[in-house]
Amino acid sequence: MVGILTIHALVQQAIESGYLTLAVEAQLRRLSQHQRSRENIYALMKLQRGVMEGEVKQESHQSRYQQVANVGQDAESA
């Protein structure tokens, strides 16, 4: 998965799996600094749309939500 070196391929993989890992998200950030083509911009827009519509889940968001939930549970226990 991380060996894929094109934005388009990484986006397609995330959309097909319905999940965007932290590693792929970081790789997309790195690649987007150097691979600025119309095709890549459209691919990133497609991924963003998938995330906004709930078709693609982000590992980074799930980690954040879990931390918030844990803090809430700790406050209730105190």
N, C-alpha and C. Protein backbone atom coordinates (compact mmCIF):
# COMPACT_ATOMS: atom_id res chain seq x y z
N MET A 1 0.83 -1.18 0.00
CA MET A 1 0.00 0.00 0.00
C MET A 1 0.87 1.25 0.00
N VAL A 2 1.85 1.36 0.91
CA VAL A 2 2.66 2.55 1.00
C VAL A 2 3.66 2.62 -0.15
N GLY A 3 3.91 1.50 -0.85
CA GLY A 3 4.83 1.49 -1.96
C GLY A 3 4.28 2.17 -3.21
N ILE A 4 2.99 2.45 -3.25
CA ILE A 4 2.38 3.13 -4.39
C ILE A 4 2.84 4.58 -4.36
N LEU A 5 3.35 5.07 -5.50
CA LEU A 5 3.96 6.39 -5.47
C LEU A 5 3.24 7.45 -6.29
N THR A 6 1.97 7.26 -6.59
CA THR A 6 1.24 8.30 -7.28
C THR A 6 0.02 8.69 -6.47
N ILE A 7 -0.30 9.96 -6.53
CA ILE A 7 -1.46 10.46 -5.81
C ILE A 7 -2.71 9.74 -6.29
N HIS A 8 -2.85 9.64 -7.60
CA HIS A 8 -4.05 9.02 -8.16
C HIS A 8 -4.22 7.59 -7.64
N ALA A 9 -3.14 6.82 -7.60
CA ALA A 9 -3.22 5.43 -7.13
C ALA A 9 -3.56 5.36 -5.64
N LEU A 10 -2.96 6.24 -4.84
CA LEU A 10 -3.26 6.24 -3.41
C LEU A 10 -4.70 6.63 -3.14
N VAL A 11 -5.19 7.62 -3.86
CA VAL A 11 -6.58 8.06 -3.70
C VAL A 11 -7.52 6.92 -4.09
N GLN A 12 -7.24 6.29 -5.21
CA GLN A 12 -8.09 5.20 -5.68
C GLN A 12 -8.13 4.07 -4.66
N GLN A 13 -6.99 3.76 -4.07
CA GLN A 13 -6.91 2.69 -3.07
C GLN A 13 -7.74 3.06 -1.84
N ALA A 14 -7.66 4.32 -1.39
CA ALA A 14 -8.43 4.76 -0.23
C ALA A 14 -9.93 4.72 -0.51
N ILE A 15 -10.31 5.14 -1.69
CA ILE A 15 -11.74 5.14 -2.04
C ILE A 15 -12.26 3.71 -2.13
N GLU A 16 -11.50 2.83 -2.75
CA GLU A 16 -11.93 1.43 -2.89
C GLU A 16 -12.04 0.74 -1.54
N SER A 17 -11.10 1.03 -0.63
CA SER A 17 -11.13 0.38 0.68
C SER A 17 -12.08 1.09 1.64
N GLY A 18 -12.39 2.36 1.36
CA GLY A 18 -13.25 3.12 2.25
C GLY A 18 -12.53 3.61 3.49
N TYR A 19 -11.19 3.59 3.46
CA TYR A 19 -10.42 3.94 4.65
C TYR A 19 -9.13 4.65 4.24
N LEU A 20 -8.82 5.74 4.93
CA LEU A 20 -7.60 6.50 4.68
C LEU A 20 -6.72 6.40 5.93
N THR A 21 -5.62 5.67 5.80
CA THR A 21 -4.73 5.48 6.94
C THR A 21 -3.86 6.71 7.16
N LEU A 22 -3.27 6.79 8.34
CA LEU A 22 -2.34 7.88 8.65
C LEU A 22 -1.15 7.86 7.70
N ALA A 23 -0.64 6.67 7.39
CA ALA A 23 0.52 6.55 6.51
C ALA A 23 0.21 7.07 5.10
N VAL A 24 -0.94 6.70 4.57
CA VAL A 24 -1.32 7.15 3.23
C VAL A 24 -1.60 8.64 3.24
N GLU A 25 -2.23 9.12 4.29
CA GLU A 25 -2.50 10.56 4.40
C GLU A 25 -1.20 11.35 4.40
N ALA A 26 -0.20 10.88 5.14
CA ALA A 26 1.10 11.55 5.18
C ALA A 26 1.79 11.48 3.81
N GLN A 27 1.69 10.34 3.15
CA GLN A 27 2.30 10.19 1.84
C GLN A 27 1.62 11.11 0.82
N LEU A 28 0.31 11.24 0.90
CA LEU A 28 -0.41 12.15 0.00
C LEU A 28 0.05 13.59 0.22
N ARG A 29 0.28 13.97 1.47
CA ARG A 29 0.77 15.33 1.75
C ARG A 29 2.13 15.55 1.11
N ARG A 30 3.03 14.57 1.27
CA ARG A 30 4.38 14.69 0.69
C ARG A 30 4.31 14.75 -0.83
N LEU A 31 3.55 13.85 -1.42
CA LEU A 31 3.47 13.80 -2.88
C LEU A 31 2.81 15.05 -3.46
N SER A 32 1.84 15.59 -2.76
CA SER A 32 1.11 16.75 -3.30
C SER A 32 2.00 17.99 -3.36
N GLN A 33 3.10 17.99 -2.63
CA GLN A 33 4.05 19.10 -2.71
C GLN A 33 4.84 19.07 -4.01
N HIS A 34 4.94 17.89 -4.63
CA HIS A 34 5.78 17.73 -5.82
C HIS A 34 5.02 17.33 -7.07
N GLN A 35 3.88 16.71 -6.92
CA GLN A 35 3.11 16.21 -8.07
C GLN A 35 1.85 17.04 -8.25
N ARG A 36 2.00 18.21 -8.81
CA ARG A 36 0.86 19.11 -8.98
C ARG A 36 0.37 19.10 -10.42
N SER A 37 -0.47 18.16 -10.70
CA SER A 37 -1.09 18.10 -12.03
C SER A 37 -2.60 18.21 -11.86
N ARG A 38 -3.26 18.50 -12.93
CA ARG A 38 -4.72 18.59 -12.90
C ARG A 38 -5.32 17.26 -12.45
N GLU A 39 -4.79 16.16 -12.95
CA GLU A 39 -5.29 14.83 -12.59
C GLU A 39 -5.17 14.60 -11.08
N ASN A 40 -4.05 14.99 -10.49
CA ASN A 40 -3.86 14.81 -9.05
C ASN A 40 -4.78 15.70 -8.23
N ILE A 41 -4.97 16.92 -8.68
CA ILE A 41 -5.89 17.82 -7.98
C ILE A 41 -7.30 17.24 -8.00
N TYR A 42 -7.72 16.74 -9.15
CA TYR A 42 -9.05 16.12 -9.24
C TYR A 42 -9.15 14.88 -8.36
N ALA A 43 -8.08 14.10 -8.31
CA ALA A 43 -8.07 12.90 -7.46
C ALA A 43 -8.22 13.29 -5.99
N LEU A 44 -7.49 14.32 -5.56
CA LEU A 44 -7.58 14.77 -4.17
C LEU A 44 -8.97 15.33 -3.86
N MET A 45 -9.57 16.02 -4.83
CA MET A 45 -10.92 16.53 -4.64
C MET A 45 -11.92 15.38 -4.50
N LYS A 46 -11.71 14.33 -5.28
CA LYS A 46 -12.58 13.16 -5.21
C LYS A 46 -12.46 12.49 -3.83
N LEU A 47 -11.24 12.41 -3.32
CA LEU A 47 -11.03 11.83 -2.00
C LEU A 47 -11.69 12.70 -0.93
N GLN A 48 -11.52 14.01 -1.04
CA GLN A 48 -12.14 14.92 -0.08
C GLN A 48 -13.66 14.76 -0.08
N ARG A 49 -14.23 14.66 -1.26
CA ARG A 49 -15.68 14.46 -1.37
C ARG A 49 -16.09 13.15 -0.70
N GLY A 50 -15.30 12.09 -0.91
CA GLY A 50 -15.59 10.80 -0.29
C GLY A 50 -15.55 10.87 1.23
N VAL A 51 -14.60 11.63 1.76
CA VAL A 51 -14.51 11.80 3.21
C VAL A 51 -15.70 12.60 3.72
N MET A 52 -16.03 13.69 3.03
CA MET A 52 -17.14 14.54 3.46
C MET A 52 -18.47 13.81 3.42
N GLU A 53 -18.64 12.91 2.46
CA GLU A 53 -19.89 12.17 2.32
C GLU A 53 -19.91 10.90 3.16
N GLY A 54 -18.83 10.62 3.89
CA GLY A 54 -18.79 9.46 4.76
C GLY A 54 -18.45 8.15 4.06
N GLU A 55 -18.06 8.23 2.80
CA GLU A 55 -17.70 7.01 2.07
C GLU A 55 -16.28 6.55 2.40
N VAL A 56 -15.45 7.47 2.87
CA VAL A 56 -14.07 7.15 3.25
C VAL A 56 -13.87 7.62 4.68
N LYS A 57 -13.45 6.72 5.53
CA LYS A 57 -13.18 7.04 6.94
C LYS A 57 -11.69 7.37 7.07
N GLN A 58 -11.38 8.36 7.91
CA GLN A 58 -10.00 8.76 8.15
C GLN A 58 -9.52 8.21 9.48
N GLU A 59 -8.40 7.51 9.45
CA GLU A 59 -7.82 6.99 10.69
C GLU A 59 -7.50 8.13 11.65
N SER A 60 -7.05 9.26 11.13
CA SER A 60 -6.69 10.39 11.98
C SER A 60 -7.90 10.91 12.75
N HIS A 61 -9.06 10.93 12.13
CA HIS A 61 -10.28 11.39 12.80
C HIS A 61 -10.75 10.37 13.82
N GLN A 62 -10.63 9.10 13.50
CA GLN A 62 -11.07 8.07 14.44
C GLN A 62 -10.20 8.09 15.68
N SER A 63 -8.91 8.35 15.53
CA SER A 63 -8.01 8.44 16.68
C SER A 63 -8.39 9.61 17.56
N ARG A 64 -8.70 10.76 16.94
CA ARG A 64 -9.10 11.95 17.69
C ARG A 64 -10.40 11.71 18.44
N TYR A 65 -11.39 11.11 17.78
CA TYR A 65 -12.67 10.84 18.43
C TYR A 65 -12.50 9.88 19.60
N GLN A 66 -11.63 8.91 19.45
CA GLN A 66 -11.38 7.96 20.53
C GLN A 66 -10.75 8.66 21.72
N GLN A 67 -9.82 9.58 21.47
CA GLN A 67 -9.19 10.33 22.57
C GLN A 67 -10.22 11.18 23.29
N VAL A 68 -11.09 11.84 22.55
CA VAL A 68 -12.13 12.68 23.17
C VAL A 68 -13.08 11.81 23.99
N ALA A 69 -13.45 10.66 23.46
CA ALA A 69 -14.35 9.75 24.19
C ALA A 69 -13.70 9.27 25.47
N ASN A 70 -12.41 8.97 25.40
CA ASN A 70 -11.69 8.51 26.61
C ASN A 70 -11.63 9.61 27.66
N VAL A 71 -11.39 10.84 27.25
CA VAL A 71 -11.35 11.96 28.19
C VAL A 71 -12.72 12.13 28.84
N GLY A 72 -13.78 12.03 28.06
CA GLY A 72 -15.14 12.14 28.61
C GLY A 72 -15.43 11.06 29.61
N GLN A 73 -14.99 9.84 29.33
CA GLN A 73 -15.22 8.73 30.27
C GLN A 73 -14.43 8.94 31.55
N ASP A 74 -13.20 9.44 31.44
CA ASP A 74 -12.38 9.70 32.62
C ASP A 74 -13.03 10.77 33.50
N ALA A 75 -13.61 11.80 32.89
CA ALA A 75 -14.26 12.87 33.64
C ALA A 75 -15.50 12.34 34.37
N GLU A 76 -16.23 11.44 33.75
CA GLU A 76 -17.42 10.87 34.37
C GLU A 76 -17.06 9.97 35.55
N SER A 77 -15.90 9.31 35.45
CA SER A 77 -15.47 8.39 36.50
C SER A 77 -14.99 9.13 37.74
N ALA A 78 -14.53 10.35 37.56
CA ALA A 78 -13.93 11.11 38.68
C ALA A 78 -14.94 11.63 39.65
